[in-house]
Amino acid sequence: MAEFSKQWAEYYDDIEHGWDFDIEVVAKDIKPGFYSHYICEGFGFIAVGKDEDSNIILAYRNQKTDELDWKSLEETIKTFDNEF
């Protein structure tokens, strides 16, 4: 079953279908330097975390290296915006 974040639903203007989780609410309980597994099919990330400065970061699996690439929530929205 596909899961979508509130932020993706707001960006994509699909609030009427709802969302499964709110990135900011999830991140509230994460300590800096840690992450929690959450998948957002809309944005395509596989984890929500915080960097050492408590900024929200999202993990994306690098298809070439199978490593994680981290982007800020703002960068994710900006990148997503540029794709459409």
C-alpha atoms as a PDB file:
ATOM      1  CA  MET A   1       0.000   0.000   0.000  1.00  0.00           C
ATOM      2  CA  ALA A   2       1.369   3.408  -0.965  1.00  0.00           C
ATOM      3  CA  GLU A   3       2.037   5.921   1.785  1.00  0.00           C
ATOM      4  CA  PHE A   4       2.131   9.673   1.349  1.00  0.00           C
ATOM      5  CA  SER A   5       3.255  12.517   3.589  1.00  0.00           C
ATOM      6  CA  LYS A   6       1.107  15.509   4.463  1.00  0.00           C
ATOM      7  CA  GLN A   7       3.708  17.745   2.835  1.00  0.00           C
ATOM      8  CA  TRP A   8       3.462  15.850  -0.460  1.00  0.00           C
ATOM      9  CA  ALA A   9      -0.341  16.004  -0.341  1.00  0.00           C
ATOM     10  CA  GLU A  10      -0.189  19.762   0.289  1.00  0.00           C
ATOM     11  CA  TYR A  11       2.340  20.289  -2.498  1.00  0.00           C
ATOM     12  CA  TYR A  12       0.438  18.137  -4.961  1.00  0.00           C
ATOM     13  CA  ASP A  13      -2.856  19.729  -3.841  1.00  0.00           C
ATOM     14  CA  ASP A  14      -4.327  16.326  -3.011  1.00  0.00           C
ATOM     15  CA  ILE A  15      -5.450  17.024   0.558  1.00  0.00           C
ATOM     16  CA  GLU A  16      -8.911  15.575  -0.119  1.00  0.00           C
ATOM     17  CA  HIS A  17      -7.438  12.065  -0.391  1.00  0.00           C
ATOM     18  CA  GLY A  18      -5.612  12.544   2.884  1.00  0.00           C
ATOM     19  CA  TRP A  19      -2.139  11.485   3.917  1.00  0.00           C
ATOM     20  CA  ASP A  20      -0.526   8.833   6.068  1.00  0.00           C
ATOM     21  CA  PHE A  21       1.934  10.866   8.134  1.00  0.00           C
ATOM     22  CA  ASP A  22       3.219  14.380   8.716  1.00  0.00           C
ATOM     23  CA  ILE A  23       6.989  14.744   8.259  1.00  0.00           C
ATOM     24  CA  GLU A  24       7.228  17.537  10.835  1.00  0.00           C
ATOM     25  CA  VAL A  25       5.302  15.555  13.471  1.00  0.00           C
ATOM     26  CA  VAL A  26       7.482  12.482  12.865  1.00  0.00           C
ATOM     27  CA  ALA A  27      10.685  14.564  13.059  1.00  0.00           C
ATOM     28  CA  LYS A  28       9.612  16.195  16.321  1.00  0.00           C
ATOM     29  CA  ASP A  29      10.482  13.044  18.282  1.00  0.00           C
ATOM     30  CA  ILE A  30      13.750  12.265  16.446  1.00  0.00           C
ATOM     31  CA  LYS A  31      16.994  13.268  18.140  1.00  0.00           C
ATOM     32  CA  PRO A  32      19.696  15.029  16.090  1.00  0.00           C
ATOM     33  CA  GLY A  33      21.856  12.529  14.206  1.00  0.00           C
ATOM     34  CA  PHE A  34      19.130   9.863  14.104  1.00  0.00           C
ATOM     35  CA  TYR A  35      16.385   8.803  11.719  1.00  0.00           C
ATOM     36  CA  SER A  36      13.238   6.710  11.518  1.00  0.00           C
ATOM     37  CA  HIS A  37      12.006   4.632   8.595  1.00  0.00           C
ATOM     38  CA  TYR A  38       9.090   6.261   6.806  1.00  0.00           C
ATOM     39  CA  ILE A  39       8.315   5.844   3.141  1.00  0.00           C
ATOM     40  CA  CYS A  40       6.682   8.576   1.087  1.00  0.00           C
ATOM     41  CA  GLU A  41       5.792   7.253  -2.351  1.00  0.00           C
ATOM     42  CA  GLY A  42       5.098  10.793  -3.516  1.00  0.00           C
ATOM     43  CA  PHE A  43       8.495  12.324  -2.749  1.00  0.00           C
ATOM     44  CA  GLY A  44      10.258   8.956  -2.937  1.00  0.00           C
ATOM     45  CA  PHE A  45      12.167   8.995   0.359  1.00  0.00           C
ATOM     46  CA  ILE A  46      12.650   6.048   2.703  1.00  0.00           C
ATOM     47  CA  ALA A  47      13.488   7.710   6.047  1.00  0.00           C
ATOM     48  CA  VAL A  48      12.995  10.906   8.036  1.00  0.00           C
ATOM     49  CA  GLY A  49      15.848  12.149  10.196  1.00  0.00           C
ATOM     50  CA  LYS A  50      17.529  15.143  11.744  1.00  0.00           C
ATOM     51  CA  ASP A  51      21.021  16.386  11.080  1.00  0.00           C
ATOM     52  CA  GLU A  52      23.325  17.527  13.893  1.00  0.00           C
ATOM     53  CA  ASP A  53      21.717  20.999  13.779  1.00  0.00           C
ATOM     54  CA  SER A  54      18.184  19.508  14.192  1.00  0.00           C
ATOM     55  CA  ASN A  55      17.209  20.248  10.576  1.00  0.00           C
ATOM     56  CA  ILE A  56      14.769  17.767   9.045  1.00  0.00           C
ATOM     57  CA  ILE A  57      16.443  15.555   6.450  1.00  0.00           C
ATOM     58  CA  LEU A  58      15.018  12.848   4.184  1.00  0.00           C
ATOM     59  CA  ALA A  59      16.836   9.748   2.930  1.00  0.00           C
ATOM     60  CA  TYR A  60      16.804   8.614  -0.681  1.00  0.00           C
ATOM     61  CA  ARG A  61      18.369   5.362  -1.860  1.00  0.00           C
ATOM     62  CA  ASN A  62      21.034   5.984  -4.495  1.00  0.00           C
ATOM     63  CA  GLN A  63      20.248   3.457  -7.230  1.00  0.00           C
ATOM     64  CA  LYS A  64      23.852   3.367  -8.464  1.00  0.00           C
ATOM     65  CA  THR A  65      25.670   2.933  -5.147  1.00  0.00           C
ATOM     66  CA  ASP A  66      22.837   1.582  -2.949  1.00  0.00           C
ATOM     67  CA  GLU A  67      23.860   4.171  -0.353  1.00  0.00           C
ATOM     68  CA  LEU A  68      21.613   6.799   1.202  1.00  0.00           C
ATOM     69  CA  ASP A  69      21.549  10.354  -0.094  1.00  0.00           C
ATOM     70  CA  TRP A  70      20.125  12.886   2.354  1.00  0.00           C
ATOM     71  CA  LYS A  71      18.203  16.025   1.379  1.00  0.00           C
ATOM     72  CA  SER A  72      16.550  18.644   3.539  1.00  0.00           C
ATOM     73  CA  LEU A  73      12.775  18.902   3.437  1.00  0.00           C
ATOM     74  CA  GLU A  74      13.113  22.268   1.692  1.00  0.00           C
ATOM     75  CA  GLU A  75      15.537  20.849  -0.888  1.00  0.00           C
ATOM     76  CA  THR A  76      13.164  17.942  -1.511  1.00  0.00           C
ATOM     77  CA  ILE A  77      10.263  20.255  -2.235  1.00  0.00           C
ATOM     78  CA  LYS A  78      12.442  22.500  -4.414  1.00  0.00           C
ATOM     79  CA  THR A  79      13.819  19.503  -6.354  1.00  0.00           C
ATOM     80  CA  PHE A  80      10.340  18.052  -6.747  1.00  0.00           C
ATOM     81  CA  ASP A  81       9.106  21.442  -7.948  1.00  0.00           C
ATOM     82  CA  ASN A  82      11.803  21.513 -10.650  1.00  0.00           C
ATOM     83  CA  GLU A  83      10.827  18.064 -11.948  1.00  0.00           C
ATOM     84  CA  PHE A  84       7.355  19.202 -12.998  1.00  0.00           C
END
